[in-house]
Amino acid sequence: MAFGTVEGCIISRMDEHANPNLDYVVVLGAQVRKSSPSKVLRYRLDTAIDHLNENPGTICIVSGGKGPNEPVAEAQGMTNYLESYGIKKNRIIKEMKSKTTQEKHLE
């Protein structure tokens, strides 16, 4: 029941769009394959591309390190994909050190 409730909340907001003219958008990484980003990651990137095309002043931060089963860091794979769809390199900031969405840092 709890799963169904949470899933319903997620699905109900899938069509929601970001505010226009944001300074930054962040795209969290997911599996990168040799040929292309995974289906989930392509969906995230395509959404970002639409927003970036509509808002030329927005910068995109792509986040994700290299997993053991990935040919390149997720941020690099995402950068390659964004650039192949016309997003200029100067509008992309790569964060390539993260390994998980939630990391624990010990000092």
C-alpha atoms as a PDB file:
ATOM      1  CA  MET A   1       0.000   0.000   0.000  1.00  0.00           C
ATOM      2  CA  ALA A   2       2.817   2.398   0.908  1.00  0.00           C
ATOM      3  CA  PHE A   3       4.636   1.569  -2.322  1.00  0.00           C
ATOM      4  CA  GLY A   4       1.489   2.265  -4.346  1.00  0.00           C
ATOM      5  CA  THR A   5       1.028   5.621  -2.636  1.00  0.00           C
ATOM      6  CA  VAL A   6       4.606   6.712  -3.255  1.00  0.00           C
ATOM      7  CA  GLU A   7       4.533   5.469  -6.849  1.00  0.00           C
ATOM      8  CA  GLY A   8       1.282   7.366  -7.442  1.00  0.00           C
ATOM      9  CA  CYS A   9       2.861  10.583  -6.148  1.00  0.00           C
ATOM     10  CA  ILE A  10       5.833  10.140  -8.464  1.00  0.00           C
ATOM     11  CA  ILE A  11       3.748   9.365 -11.534  1.00  0.00           C
ATOM     12  CA  SER A  12       1.378  12.265 -10.890  1.00  0.00           C
ATOM     13  CA  ARG A  13       4.266  14.740 -11.153  1.00  0.00           C
ATOM     14  CA  MET A  14       6.059  13.264 -14.190  1.00  0.00           C
ATOM     15  CA  ASP A  15       4.613  15.908 -16.506  1.00  0.00           C
ATOM     16  CA  GLU A  16       5.608  18.805 -14.292  1.00  0.00           C
ATOM     17  CA  HIS A  17       7.953  21.301 -15.917  1.00  0.00           C
ATOM     18  CA  ALA A  18      10.675  23.421 -14.355  1.00  0.00           C
ATOM     19  CA  ASN A  19      10.274  27.147 -13.953  1.00  0.00           C
ATOM     20  CA  PRO A  20      11.553  29.137 -16.935  1.00  0.00           C
ATOM     21  CA  ASN A  21      14.861  30.995 -16.828  1.00  0.00           C
ATOM     22  CA  LEU A  22      16.477  28.933 -14.077  1.00  0.00           C
ATOM     23  CA  ASP A  23      20.188  29.597 -13.546  1.00  0.00           C
ATOM     24  CA  TYR A  24      20.941  25.857 -13.354  1.00  0.00           C
ATOM     25  CA  VAL A  25      19.325  22.472 -13.858  1.00  0.00           C
ATOM     26  CA  VAL A  26      20.854  19.291 -12.427  1.00  0.00           C
ATOM     27  CA  VAL A  27      20.621  15.939 -14.170  1.00  0.00           C
ATOM     28  CA  LEU A  28      21.454  13.005 -11.907  1.00  0.00           C
ATOM     29  CA  GLY A  29      23.272  10.114 -13.507  1.00  0.00           C
ATOM     30  CA  ALA A  30      22.094   6.617 -14.305  1.00  0.00           C
ATOM     31  CA  GLN A  31      23.522   3.705 -16.278  1.00  0.00           C
ATOM     32  CA  VAL A  32      25.687   4.621 -19.278  1.00  0.00           C
ATOM     33  CA  ARG A  33      26.250   1.919 -21.870  1.00  0.00           C
ATOM     34  CA  LYS A  34      28.818   1.714 -24.620  1.00  0.00           C
ATOM     35  CA  SER A  35      26.293   2.727 -27.283  1.00  0.00           C
ATOM     36  CA  SER A  36      24.265   5.329 -25.371  1.00  0.00           C
ATOM     37  CA  PRO A  37      22.745   6.316 -22.037  1.00  0.00           C
ATOM     38  CA  SER A  38      20.160   3.928 -20.588  1.00  0.00           C
ATOM     39  CA  LYS A  39      16.485   4.542 -21.351  1.00  0.00           C
ATOM     40  CA  VAL A  40      15.920   6.216 -17.960  1.00  0.00           C
ATOM     41  CA  LEU A  41      18.912   8.502 -18.443  1.00  0.00           C
ATOM     42  CA  ARG A  42      17.887   9.402 -22.003  1.00  0.00           C
ATOM     43  CA  TYR A  43      14.476  10.463 -20.662  1.00  0.00           C
ATOM     44  CA  ARG A  44      16.172  12.743 -18.107  1.00  0.00           C
ATOM     45  CA  LEU A  45      18.525  14.165 -20.726  1.00  0.00           C
ATOM     46  CA  ASP A  46      15.795  14.716 -23.320  1.00  0.00           C
ATOM     47  CA  THR A  47      13.794  16.632 -20.704  1.00  0.00           C
ATOM     48  CA  ALA A  48      16.881  18.722 -19.929  1.00  0.00           C
ATOM     49  CA  ILE A  49      17.491  19.374 -23.641  1.00  0.00           C
ATOM     50  CA  ASP A  50      13.937  20.669 -24.057  1.00  0.00           C
ATOM     51  CA  HIS A  51      14.385  23.000 -21.088  1.00  0.00           C
ATOM     52  CA  LEU A  52      17.829  24.176 -22.219  1.00  0.00           C
ATOM     53  CA  ASN A  53      16.577  24.903 -25.734  1.00  0.00           C
ATOM     54  CA  GLU A  54      13.702  26.957 -24.335  1.00  0.00           C
ATOM     55  CA  ASN A  55      15.973  28.749 -21.815  1.00  0.00           C
ATOM     56  CA  PRO A  56      19.312  29.661 -23.431  1.00  0.00           C
ATOM     57  CA  GLY A  57      20.656  31.230 -20.231  1.00  0.00           C
ATOM     58  CA  THR A  58      20.354  28.042 -18.172  1.00  0.00           C
ATOM     59  CA  ILE A  59      23.444  25.953 -17.335  1.00  0.00           C
ATOM     60  CA  CYS A  60      23.172  22.163 -16.990  1.00  0.00           C
ATOM     61  CA  ILE A  61      25.046  20.307 -14.243  1.00  0.00           C
ATOM     62  CA  VAL A  62      25.453  16.603 -15.030  1.00  0.00           C
ATOM     63  CA  SER A  63      26.393  14.375 -12.137  1.00  0.00           C
ATOM     64  CA  GLY A  64      27.751  10.855 -12.007  1.00  0.00           C
ATOM     65  CA  GLY A  65      31.005   8.971 -11.686  1.00  0.00           C
ATOM     66  CA  LYS A  66      32.166   5.831 -13.469  1.00  0.00           C
ATOM     67  CA  GLY A  67      30.682   2.574 -12.260  1.00  0.00           C
ATOM     68  CA  PRO A  68      32.505  -0.749 -12.734  1.00  0.00           C
ATOM     69  CA  ASN A  69      30.138  -1.720 -15.556  1.00  0.00           C
ATOM     70  CA  GLU A  70      30.287   1.575 -17.455  1.00  0.00           C
ATOM     71  CA  PRO A  71      32.665   2.572 -20.278  1.00  0.00           C
ATOM     72  CA  VAL A  72      32.896   6.226 -19.117  1.00  0.00           C
ATOM     73  CA  ALA A  73      31.781   8.330 -16.180  1.00  0.00           C
ATOM     74  CA  GLU A  74      28.056   9.011 -16.287  1.00  0.00           C
ATOM     75  CA  ALA A  75      28.686  12.774 -16.408  1.00  0.00           C
ATOM     76  CA  GLN A  76      30.911  12.319 -19.472  1.00  0.00           C
ATOM     77  CA  GLY A  77      28.334  10.119 -21.205  1.00  0.00           C
ATOM     78  CA  MET A  78      25.644  12.693 -20.458  1.00  0.00           C
ATOM     79  CA  THR A  79      27.850  15.505 -21.759  1.00  0.00           C
ATOM     80  CA  ASN A  80      28.445  13.586 -24.992  1.00  0.00           C
ATOM     81  CA  TYR A  81      24.695  13.067 -25.419  1.00  0.00           C
ATOM     82  CA  LEU A  82      23.816  16.705 -24.705  1.00  0.00           C
ATOM     83  CA  GLU A  83      26.482  17.954 -27.125  1.00  0.00           C
ATOM     84  CA  SER A  84      25.237  15.569 -29.835  1.00  0.00           C
ATOM     85  CA  TYR A  85      21.869  17.353 -29.536  1.00  0.00           C
ATOM     86  CA  GLY A  86      23.399  20.803 -29.912  1.00  0.00           C
ATOM     87  CA  ILE A  87      23.937  21.869 -26.293  1.00  0.00           C
ATOM     88  CA  LYS A  88      27.149  23.910 -26.214  1.00  0.00           C
ATOM     89  CA  LYS A  89      30.032  22.742 -24.024  1.00  0.00           C
ATOM     90  CA  ASN A  90      30.082  26.047 -22.115  1.00  0.00           C
ATOM     91  CA  ARG A  91      26.538  25.343 -20.853  1.00  0.00           C
ATOM     92  CA  ILE A  92      27.490  22.020 -19.232  1.00  0.00           C
ATOM     93  CA  ILE A  93      29.253  21.506 -15.899  1.00  0.00           C
ATOM     94  CA  LYS A  94      30.457  17.956 -15.190  1.00  0.00           C
ATOM     95  CA  GLU A  95      30.592  16.437 -11.701  1.00  0.00           C
ATOM     96  CA  MET A  96      32.335  13.092 -12.180  1.00  0.00           C
ATOM     97  CA  LYS A  97      33.330  11.984  -8.664  1.00  0.00           C
ATOM     98  CA  SER A  98      30.006  10.876  -7.188  1.00  0.00           C
ATOM     99  CA  LYS A  99      29.261   7.168  -7.078  1.00  0.00           C
ATOM    100  CA  THR A 100      25.755   7.195  -5.572  1.00  0.00           C
ATOM    101  CA  THR A 101      22.915   9.677  -5.253  1.00  0.00           C
ATOM    102  CA  GLN A 102      23.432   9.737  -1.502  1.00  0.00           C
ATOM    103  CA  GLU A 103      27.034   9.454  -0.350  1.00  0.00           C
ATOM    104  CA  LYS A 104      28.517   9.423   3.111  1.00  0.00           C
ATOM    105  CA  HIS A 105      31.622  11.516   3.537  1.00  0.00           C
ATOM    106  CA  LEU A 106      33.995  10.939   6.385  1.00  0.00           C
ATOM    107  CA  GLU A 107      36.459  13.621   7.325  1.00  0.00           C
END
